[in-house]
Amino acid sequence: MWVGPLIERKRDGGSLEPQEWRDLIAAYTGGRVPDYQMAALLMAVYLNGMSAEETAALAGAMLDSGVRLRFDHLPVRCVDKHSTGGVGDKVSLVLAPLVASCGVAVPMISGRGLGHTGGTLDKLEAIPGFRTALSPEETVRQIESIGCAMIGQSEAIAPADRKLYALRDATATVESIPLIAASIMSKKLAEGIHGLVLDVKRGSGAFLPELEDELRLARTMIDLGQAHGCPTVALLTAMDRPLGRACGVALETEEAIAALRGEGPEDLMEVTYALGVEMLLLGGVASNPADARAALADALQSGRAAEKFRSVVAAQGGNPAVVDRPEILPQAAAVSVYSAPREGYVVRVEPRTIGRAIVAMGGGRRTMEDRIDPAVGFVIAVKPGDKVERGQPVASVYAASDGGLAVGAQALSRAIELADEPPGDVLPLVSHRVTAAGVEVLS
């Protein structure tokens, strides 16, 4: 396939025809287009955008690059959730088993760390033995038996997105609405789900910090879902500070396990409940938000959610003892405490600075081939609005060496901003609900 003219056309602001996108993605997936040419095209898209027709064609081509799961034979509905990515965002690890324990099947396909954000697959693989590379047949059998699977894109499911996802991460072309939308929806639609809930992050730590861009992304994905017969709902949630306390692969996994035991941080649980309510409504097991929230709370308090997670871990080759003994997760070789340098109010905990520091400490990827250290990261005990005293411990750094501790401490000194007055610009945790019918402002 001659890709040069396509790159030139996108470079100059033109559009590719739907069939050209289908041919290009087929050729790239088949190894007939090199990464360097696809990287050039991705940068042209990043700079010049894509039409709605192009976005739909790209999503469809990536969807058609692999097999599609089928769950129409099940007596329950299949519903999934996807986040656009954030720092400290371990919601998927809590939400999938929680919703499954309420009677909705959840075939969750997730990704690895992208840019400054962490990845669900990396967090799951911090559990000794946990296998995310299930075949389509294994995934269907697991959904049939326990109602939940948490997997990655395999060579069979959306393989084109798998390749493009890694390439975007390595070429600074992540923050593109059509590329994000096509990536997410291609792998989600491949799951054969009956409904989808999107967690679109907003604020300084999101890939798209501006509200109008976030709403446009939500509408784009909802349109793609509707076009494929998959009712889709989006919630806009805050990412102007890390979610929860733990930031870093294994640390977030540990915090997610605590949340499944009913011990999660308040902000993490508020976002989890909001998304879970939407999933139960789409799944048809609750008729109103109040009943849905009550069902989720009961699943946590009764221990059913934690037991469902234990079943998922065991089914996918992991050590189920992690539910009771999270200390079997990877542990950092060096730990230090970061204290407030002055008295004052926390006015900002900048998530992008935290995420980039985790990458610098070895807990994220700079290139597609990088291996990560799952043990490194931060536990941050303060939120914007908190008042602190000089010398008060406000965070901990987990690193592989003293050098990593120094990198972490420097990052915290930049990320945690103190002032004499409390902040006035903290985003609400859940601010908007977007459906095919329009946008509802929640707070």
Protein backbone atom coordinates (compact mmCIF):
# COMPACT_ATOMS: atom_id res chain seq x y z
CA MET A 1 0.00 0.00 0.00
CA TRP A 2 1.32 3.46 -0.91
CA VAL A 3 0.91 5.46 2.31
CA GLY A 4 2.88 8.58 1.35
CA PRO A 5 -0.02 10.34 -0.44
CA LEU A 6 -2.33 9.67 2.54
CA ILE A 7 0.17 11.23 4.92
CA GLU A 8 0.55 14.24 2.64
CA ARG A 9 -3.22 14.72 2.42
CA LYS A 10 -3.69 14.63 6.20
CA ARG A 11 -0.63 16.83 6.68
CA ASP A 12 -2.22 19.43 4.42
CA GLY A 13 -5.57 19.33 6.22
CA GLY A 14 -7.44 16.97 3.90
CA SER A 15 -9.52 13.88 4.65
CA LEU A 16 -9.15 10.21 3.90
CA GLU A 17 -12.06 8.30 2.45
CA PRO A 18 -13.63 5.56 4.64
CA GLN A 19 -12.30 2.83 2.35
CA GLU A 20 -8.82 4.34 2.57
CA TRP A 21 -8.96 4.12 6.36
CA ARG A 22 -10.14 0.51 6.16
CA ASP A 23 -7.37 -0.43 3.73
CA LEU A 24 -4.74 1.43 5.75
CA ILE A 25 -5.67 -0.20 9.07
CA ALA A 26 -5.80 -3.64 7.46
CA ALA A 27 -2.35 -3.10 5.95
CA TYR A 28 -0.88 -1.76 9.21
CA THR A 29 -2.31 -4.64 11.24
CA GLY A 30 -0.92 -7.07 8.68
CA GLY A 31 2.58 -5.59 8.96
CA ARG A 32 2.58 -4.02 5.51
CA VAL A 33 2.84 -0.43 6.79
CA PRO A 34 5.84 0.44 9.01
CA ASP A 35 5.50 2.19 12.35
CA TYR A 36 7.33 5.29 11.13
CA GLN A 37 4.76 5.95 8.42
CA MET A 38 1.84 5.33 10.76
CA ALA A 39 3.48 7.62 13.34
CA ALA A 40 3.67 10.38 10.73
CA LEU A 41 0.00 9.93 9.90
CA LEU A 42 -0.96 9.98 13.57
CA MET A 43 0.88 13.26 14.03
CA ALA A 44 -0.95 14.71 11.03
CA VAL A 45 -4.25 13.64 12.59
CA TYR A 46 -3.18 15.09 15.94
CA LEU A 47 -2.44 18.44 14.31
CA ASN A 48 -5.33 18.62 11.83
CA GLY A 49 -8.08 16.45 13.29
CA MET A 50 -10.53 14.11 11.57
CA SER A 51 -14.06 14.48 10.28
CA ALA A 52 -16.92 12.57 11.94
CA GLU A 53 -17.00 10.27 8.91
CA GLU A 54 -13.28 9.58 9.22
CA THR A 55 -13.55 8.89 12.95
CA ALA A 56 -16.38 6.41 12.38
CA ALA A 57 -14.40 4.73 9.59
CA LEU A 58 -11.28 4.43 11.77
CA ALA A 59 -13.26 3.01 14.70
CA GLY A 60 -15.00 0.54 12.41
CA ALA A 61 -11.75 -0.53 10.77
CA MET A 62 -10.11 -1.17 14.15
CA LEU A 63 -13.20 -3.04 15.33
CA ASP A 64 -13.16 -5.19 12.20
CA SER A 65 -9.44 -5.96 12.58
CA GLY A 66 -10.26 -8.74 15.04
CA VAL A 67 -13.00 -10.94 16.38
CA ARG A 68 -16.05 -9.81 18.34
CA LEU A 69 -17.23 -11.48 21.50
CA ARG A 70 -20.86 -12.61 21.65
CA PHE A 71 -22.94 -12.77 24.81
CA ASP A 72 -26.49 -12.70 23.49
CA HIS A 73 -27.04 -16.21 24.88
CA LEU A 74 -26.58 -15.07 28.49
CA PRO A 75 -29.61 -14.49 30.74
CA VAL A 76 -28.10 -11.18 31.92
CA ARG A 77 -26.94 -8.06 30.11
CA CYS A 78 -23.28 -7.24 29.54
CA VAL A 79 -22.20 -3.70 30.41
CA ASP A 80 -18.72 -2.19 30.64
CA LYS A 81 -17.04 1.01 31.72
CA HIS A 82 -14.06 2.88 30.36
CA SER A 83 -12.04 5.81 31.71
CA THR A 84 -10.14 8.25 29.51
CA GLY A 85 -7.30 8.00 32.02
CA GLY A 86 -6.09 9.76 35.10
CA VAL A 87 -3.62 9.70 37.97
CA GLY A 88 -4.66 7.49 40.87
CA ASP A 89 -7.63 6.23 38.84
CA LYS A 90 -8.07 2.64 40.00
CA VAL A 91 -11.87 2.69 39.62
CA SER A 92 -11.97 -0.16 37.08
CA LEU A 93 -10.43 -2.60 39.55
CA VAL A 94 -13.22 -1.84 42.01
CA LEU A 95 -16.10 -1.35 39.61
CA ALA A 96 -15.90 -4.49 37.45
CA PRO A 97 -16.24 -7.02 40.31
CA LEU A 98 -18.63 -4.75 42.20
CA VAL A 99 -21.09 -4.47 39.31
CA ALA A 100 -20.69 -8.17 38.45
CA SER A 101 -21.59 -9.05 42.04
CA CYS A 102 -24.90 -7.20 41.46
CA GLY A 103 -25.95 -9.38 38.52
CA VAL A 104 -24.56 -7.59 35.45
CA ALA A 105 -21.91 -9.32 33.35
CA VAL A 106 -18.75 -7.23 32.86
CA PRO A 107 -16.33 -8.25 30.06
CA MET A 108 -13.79 -5.47 30.64
CA ILE A 109 -11.05 -4.87 28.07
CA SER A 110 -8.52 -2.37 29.40
CA GLY A 111 -5.19 -0.85 28.42
CA ARG A 112 -1.74 -0.23 29.81
CA GLY A 113 -0.29 3.03 31.07
CA LEU A 114 -0.57 5.82 28.52
CA GLY A 115 1.46 9.03 28.87
CA HIS A 116 1.33 10.28 32.46
CA THR A 117 -1.60 8.02 33.40
CA GLY A 118 -1.58 4.52 34.82
CA GLY A 119 -3.05 1.45 33.12
CA THR A 120 -5.54 -1.07 34.48
CA LEU A 121 -3.65 -4.02 32.96
CA ASP A 122 -0.42 -3.01 34.67
CA LYS A 123 -2.25 -2.80 38.00
CA LEU A 124 -3.84 -6.22 37.57
CA GLU A 125 -0.51 -7.75 36.57
CA ALA A 126 1.01 -6.50 39.83
CA ILE A 127 -0.93 -9.41 41.37
CA PRO A 128 1.40 -12.45 41.24
CA GLY A 129 0.41 -14.73 38.38
CA PHE A 130 -2.49 -12.63 37.09
CA ARG A 131 -2.97 -13.23 33.37
CA THR A 132 -4.65 -10.53 31.28
CA ALA A 133 -4.05 -12.15 27.87
CA LEU A 134 -7.09 -14.40 27.67
CA SER A 135 -8.28 -15.81 24.37
CA PRO A 136 -11.78 -14.89 23.19
CA GLU A 137 -12.92 -18.42 24.04
CA GLU A 138 -11.47 -18.20 27.55
CA THR A 139 -13.10 -14.81 28.05
CA VAL A 140 -16.55 -16.08 27.03
CA ARG A 141 -16.23 -19.12 29.31
CA GLN A 142 -15.20 -16.92 32.25
CA ILE A 143 -18.12 -14.55 31.71
CA GLU A 144 -20.45 -17.54 31.55
CA SER A 145 -19.06 -18.97 34.80
CA ILE A 146 -18.42 -15.94 37.05
CA GLY A 147 -19.79 -12.94 35.13
CA CYS A 148 -16.58 -10.91 35.02
CA ALA A 149 -13.32 -10.88 33.08
CA MET A 150 -10.61 -8.19 33.07
CA ILE A 151 -8.40 -8.54 30.01
CA GLY A 152 -6.29 -6.66 27.49
CA GLN A 153 -6.47 -6.35 23.74
CA SER A 154 -5.15 -9.60 22.38
CA GLU A 155 -4.01 -10.38 18.88
CA ALA A 156 -7.59 -11.50 18.27
CA ILE A 157 -9.58 -8.60 19.79
CA ALA A 158 -9.06 -5.15 18.22
CA PRO A 159 -5.41 -5.87 17.29
CA ALA A 160 -5.18 -2.66 15.28
CA ASP A 161 -6.02 -0.60 18.34
CA ARG A 162 -3.46 -2.54 20.36
CA LYS A 163 -0.71 -1.51 17.94
CA LEU A 164 -1.89 2.07 17.56
CA TYR A 165 -2.35 2.51 21.32
CA ALA A 166 1.31 1.75 21.99
CA LEU A 167 2.47 3.87 19.05
CA ARG A 168 0.44 6.90 20.19
CA ASP A 169 1.95 6.64 23.66
CA ALA A 170 5.48 6.69 22.23
CA THR A 171 4.92 9.49 19.69
CA ALA A 172 3.11 12.18 21.75
CA THR A 173 -0.13 11.78 19.80
CA VAL A 174 -2.35 10.72 22.70
CA GLU A 175 -4.36 13.93 23.16
CA SER A 176 -6.50 13.73 20.04
CA ILE A 177 -10.29 13.49 20.32
CA PRO A 178 -10.87 11.32 17.24
CA LEU A 179 -7.97 8.99 18.07
CA ILE A 180 -9.09 8.63 21.69
CA ALA A 181 -12.70 8.04 20.67
CA ALA A 182 -11.90 5.50 17.96
CA SER A 183 -9.47 3.65 20.23
CA ILE A 184 -11.85 3.34 23.16
CA MET A 185 -14.93 2.47 21.16
CA SER A 186 -13.28 -0.10 18.88
CA LYS A 187 -12.21 -2.31 21.77
CA LYS A 188 -15.38 -1.73 23.76
CA LEU A 189 -17.69 -2.58 20.87
CA ALA A 190 -15.62 -5.73 20.26
CA GLU A 191 -16.78 -6.96 23.66
CA GLY A 192 -20.33 -7.56 22.46
CA ILE A 193 -21.74 -5.44 25.28
CA HIS A 194 -25.30 -4.18 25.64
CA GLY A 195 -24.33 -0.87 27.24
CA LEU A 196 -21.28 1.28 28.03
CA VAL A 197 -20.52 3.88 30.69
CA LEU A 198 -17.69 6.32 30.01
CA ASP A 199 -15.68 8.14 32.66
CA VAL A 200 -14.40 11.23 30.85
CA LYS A 201 -11.79 12.95 32.97
CA ARG A 202 -11.63 16.73 33.16
CA GLY A 203 -9.13 19.15 34.64
CA SER A 204 -5.37 19.66 34.54
CA GLY A 205 -4.52 15.95 34.82
CA ALA A 206 -6.80 14.87 31.97
CA PHE A 207 -5.60 14.32 28.43
CA LEU A 208 -8.09 17.02 27.37
CA PRO A 209 -8.16 19.68 30.11
CA GLU A 210 -10.78 21.96 28.49
CA LEU A 211 -14.46 21.32 29.25
CA GLU A 212 -15.65 21.81 25.67
CA ASP A 213 -13.12 19.26 24.41
CA GLU A 214 -14.23 16.77 27.06
CA LEU A 215 -17.87 17.21 26.10
CA ARG A 216 -16.99 16.83 22.43
CA LEU A 217 -15.11 13.61 23.19
CA ALA A 218 -18.08 12.28 25.16
CA ARG A 219 -20.51 13.12 22.35
CA THR A 220 -18.21 11.53 19.75
CA MET A 221 -18.03 8.25 21.68
CA ILE A 222 -21.76 8.25 22.41
CA ASP A 223 -22.47 8.71 18.69
CA LEU A 224 -20.16 5.80 17.84
CA GLY A 225 -21.88 3.63 20.45
CA GLN A 226 -25.37 4.53 19.26
CA ALA A 227 -24.38 3.82 15.65
CA HIS A 228 -23.43 0.27 16.67
CA GLY A 229 -26.54 -0.36 18.80
CA CYS A 230 -24.74 0.11 22.13
CA PRO A 231 -26.46 2.62 24.46
CA THR A 232 -23.68 4.78 25.90
CA VAL A 233 -23.64 7.20 28.85
CA ALA A 234 -20.74 9.46 29.87
CA LEU A 235 -19.98 11.08 33.20
CA LEU A 236 -17.43 13.88 33.46
CA THR A 237 -15.33 13.44 36.60
CA ALA A 238 -12.58 15.51 38.19
CA MET A 239 -8.91 14.99 37.42
CA ASP A 240 -7.54 18.29 38.72
CA ARG A 241 -6.12 16.22 41.61
CA PRO A 242 -5.29 12.52 41.92
CA LEU A 243 -8.20 10.20 42.66
CA GLY A 244 -7.91 8.44 46.00
CA ARG A 245 -4.64 8.46 47.90
CA ALA A 246 -2.46 5.91 46.09
CA CYS A 247 -0.67 6.72 42.82
CA GLY A 248 1.42 3.99 41.22
CA VAL A 249 0.73 0.49 39.94
CA ALA A 250 0.89 -1.78 43.00
CA LEU A 251 -0.11 0.95 45.44
CA GLU A 252 -3.30 1.57 43.47
CA THR A 253 -4.05 -2.14 43.32
CA GLU A 254 -3.76 -2.31 47.09
CA GLU A 255 -6.09 0.67 47.50
CA ALA A 256 -8.63 -0.89 45.10
CA ILE A 257 -8.64 -4.06 47.20
CA ALA A 258 -9.25 -1.96 50.30
CA ALA A 259 -12.16 -0.28 48.50
CA LEU A 260 -13.67 -3.68 47.70
CA ARG A 261 -13.52 -4.43 51.41
CA GLY A 262 -15.45 -1.23 52.10
CA GLU A 263 -12.38 0.78 53.13
CA GLY A 264 -11.88 3.00 50.10
CA PRO A 265 -11.20 6.75 50.18
CA GLU A 266 -14.33 8.89 49.98
CA ASP A 267 -13.56 10.47 46.61
CA LEU A 268 -12.75 7.12 45.00
CA MET A 269 -16.00 5.65 46.27
CA GLU A 270 -18.10 8.61 45.13
CA VAL A 271 -16.88 8.24 41.55
CA THR A 272 -17.21 4.45 41.72
CA TYR A 273 -20.80 4.67 42.94
CA ALA A 274 -21.74 7.23 40.26
CA LEU A 275 -20.42 5.03 37.45
CA GLY A 276 -21.79 1.85 39.02
CA VAL A 277 -25.28 3.32 39.21
CA GLU A 278 -25.21 3.98 35.47
CA MET A 279 -23.99 0.45 34.77
CA LEU A 280 -26.76 -1.15 36.84
CA LEU A 281 -29.38 0.99 35.09
CA LEU A 282 -28.07 -0.02 31.66
CA GLY A 283 -27.85 -3.61 32.86
CA GLY A 284 -31.53 -3.62 33.79
CA VAL A 285 -31.03 -4.80 37.39
CA ALA A 286 -32.16 -1.48 38.89
CA SER A 287 -34.97 0.83 37.81
CA ASN A 288 -33.77 4.03 39.46
CA PRO A 289 -30.51 5.53 40.79
CA ALA A 290 -31.44 5.14 44.46
CA ASP A 291 -32.05 1.41 44.13
CA ALA A 292 -28.87 1.01 42.10
CA ARG A 293 -26.74 2.76 44.71
CA ALA A 294 -28.29 0.69 47.50
CA ALA A 295 -27.47 -2.50 45.61
CA LEU A 296 -23.85 -1.42 45.17
CA ALA A 297 -23.51 -0.52 48.86
CA ASP A 298 -24.95 -3.88 49.89
CA ALA A 299 -22.53 -5.74 47.62
CA LEU A 300 -19.61 -4.01 49.33
CA GLN A 301 -20.90 -4.35 52.88
CA SER A 302 -21.84 -8.00 52.47
CA GLY A 303 -18.42 -8.92 51.06
CA ARG A 304 -19.85 -10.12 47.72
CA ALA A 305 -17.80 -7.59 45.73
CA ALA A 306 -14.51 -8.67 47.34
CA GLU A 307 -15.40 -12.32 46.77
CA LYS A 308 -16.16 -11.63 43.12
CA PHE A 309 -12.72 -10.04 42.73
CA ARG A 310 -11.17 -13.06 44.44
CA SER A 311 -12.93 -15.28 41.87
CA VAL A 312 -11.64 -13.18 38.98
CA VAL A 313 -8.07 -13.28 40.30
CA ALA A 314 -8.19 -17.05 40.73
CA ALA A 315 -9.79 -17.61 37.32
CA GLN A 316 -7.08 -15.60 35.60
CA GLY A 317 -4.16 -17.34 37.27
CA GLY A 318 -3.47 -14.84 40.02
CA ASN A 319 -2.99 -15.45 43.72
CA PRO A 320 -6.42 -14.90 45.32
CA ALA A 321 -4.78 -14.48 48.74
CA VAL A 322 -4.05 -10.89 47.65
CA VAL A 323 -7.58 -9.95 48.74
CA ASP A 324 -6.66 -10.72 52.36
CA ARG A 325 -2.91 -10.16 52.15
CA PRO A 326 -2.16 -7.21 49.85
CA GLU A 327 1.43 -7.26 51.11
CA ILE A 328 2.12 -9.98 48.54
CA LEU A 329 2.01 -7.22 45.91
CA PRO A 330 5.42 -5.82 44.82
CA GLN A 331 6.99 -3.73 47.57
CA ALA A 332 9.27 -0.72 47.13
CA ALA A 333 12.87 -1.02 48.28
CA ALA A 334 12.94 2.53 49.65
CA VAL A 335 10.24 4.63 51.36
CA SER A 336 10.33 8.17 52.70
CA VAL A 337 7.86 10.64 54.16
CA TYR A 338 7.28 14.07 52.64
CA SER A 339 6.26 16.79 55.11
CA ALA A 340 4.61 20.15 54.56
CA PRO A 341 7.28 22.87 54.24
CA ARG A 342 4.98 25.50 55.74
CA GLU A 343 1.62 26.04 57.39
CA GLY A 344 -1.29 26.74 55.09
CA TYR A 345 -4.07 25.35 52.94
CA VAL A 346 -3.54 22.82 50.17
CA VAL A 347 -4.69 24.65 47.06
CA ARG A 348 -3.45 22.19 44.46
CA VAL A 349 -2.20 18.62 44.10
CA GLU A 350 -1.16 18.62 40.45
CA PRO A 351 -1.85 15.16 38.97
CA ARG A 352 0.19 15.55 35.80
CA THR A 353 3.32 16.31 37.85
CA ILE A 354 2.66 13.24 39.99
CA GLY A 355 2.07 11.01 36.94
CA ARG A 356 5.23 12.16 35.20
CA ALA A 357 7.25 11.61 38.37
CA ILE A 358 6.03 8.00 38.53
CA VAL A 359 7.27 7.53 34.97
CA ALA A 360 10.62 9.12 35.88
CA MET A 361 10.91 6.75 38.86
CA GLY A 362 10.38 3.75 36.59
CA GLY A 363 6.69 3.17 37.19
CA GLY A 364 5.57 4.16 33.68
CA ARG A 365 6.72 3.91 30.08
CA ARG A 366 8.76 6.33 27.98
CA THR A 367 8.92 3.94 25.02
CA MET A 368 6.79 1.02 23.83
CA GLU A 369 9.45 -1.47 24.97
CA ASP A 370 9.93 -0.16 28.54
CA ARG A 371 9.35 -2.47 31.47
CA ILE A 372 7.87 -0.84 34.53
CA ASP A 373 8.59 -1.11 38.23
CA PRO A 374 5.13 -1.70 39.75
CA ALA A 375 6.24 -0.91 43.31
CA VAL A 376 7.08 2.78 42.87
CA GLY A 377 4.72 5.69 43.41
CA PHE A 378 3.13 7.89 46.03
CA VAL A 379 0.53 7.82 48.74
CA ILE A 380 -0.78 11.36 49.14
CA ALA A 381 -2.77 12.04 52.28
CA VAL A 382 -4.04 15.54 51.51
CA LYS A 383 -6.59 17.05 49.15
CA PRO A 384 -7.19 20.63 48.00
CA GLY A 385 -8.85 22.51 50.84
CA ASP A 386 -7.06 20.66 53.64
CA LYS A 387 -5.25 22.78 56.24
CA VAL A 388 -1.79 21.55 57.21
CA GLU A 389 0.84 22.50 59.77
CA ARG A 390 4.51 22.98 59.03
CA GLY A 391 6.28 19.60 59.30
CA GLN A 392 3.05 17.60 59.04
CA PRO A 393 3.47 14.40 56.99
CA VAL A 394 1.37 14.85 53.83
CA ALA A 395 2.66 12.11 51.51
CA SER A 396 4.94 9.10 51.20
CA VAL A 397 7.33 8.27 48.37
CA TYR A 398 7.91 4.66 47.29
CA ALA A 399 10.97 4.11 45.12
CA ALA A 400 13.60 1.62 44.05
CA SER A 401 16.53 3.64 45.40
CA ASP A 402 17.53 6.79 47.25
CA GLY A 403 17.77 8.50 43.88
CA GLY A 404 14.15 7.64 43.21
CA LEU A 405 13.17 9.03 46.62
CA ALA A 406 14.83 12.32 45.69
CA VAL A 407 12.96 12.46 42.38
CA GLY A 408 9.70 11.80 44.19
CA ALA A 409 10.30 14.41 46.87
CA GLN A 410 11.12 17.05 44.25
CA ALA A 411 7.93 16.21 42.38
CA LEU A 412 5.83 16.52 45.52
CA SER A 413 7.37 19.92 46.26
CA ARG A 414 6.08 21.08 42.86
CA ALA A 415 2.78 19.23 42.88
CA ILE A 416 1.49 20.07 46.36
CA GLU A 417 0.91 23.81 46.46
CA LEU A 418 0.20 25.58 49.77
CA ALA A 419 -1.25 29.04 50.32
CA ASP A 420 -2.64 31.21 53.10
CA GLU A 421 -6.23 30.89 51.90
CA PRO A 422 -8.24 27.83 50.84
CA PRO A 423 -8.70 27.21 47.10
CA GLY A 424 -11.72 28.44 45.22
CA ASP A 425 -11.47 26.47 41.99
CA VAL A 426 -11.68 22.76 42.88
CA LEU A 427 -13.78 20.82 40.38
CA PRO A 428 -16.76 18.79 41.58
CA LEU A 429 -16.03 15.07 41.53
CA VAL A 430 -18.88 14.34 39.11
CA SER A 431 -19.98 17.39 37.14
CA HIS A 432 -21.84 16.37 33.95
CA ARG A 433 -23.92 13.49 32.59
CA VAL A 434 -23.96 13.14 28.82
CA THR A 435 -26.34 10.92 26.82
CA ALA A 436 -27.64 10.83 23.27
CA ALA A 437 -30.38 13.18 24.50
CA GLY A 438 -27.96 15.90 25.63
CA VAL A 439 -25.86 17.22 28.52
CA GLU A 440 -27.05 17.42 32.14
CA VAL A 441 -25.05 19.57 34.56
CA LEU A 442 -24.95 17.73 37.89
CA SER A 443 -23.02 20.20 40.06
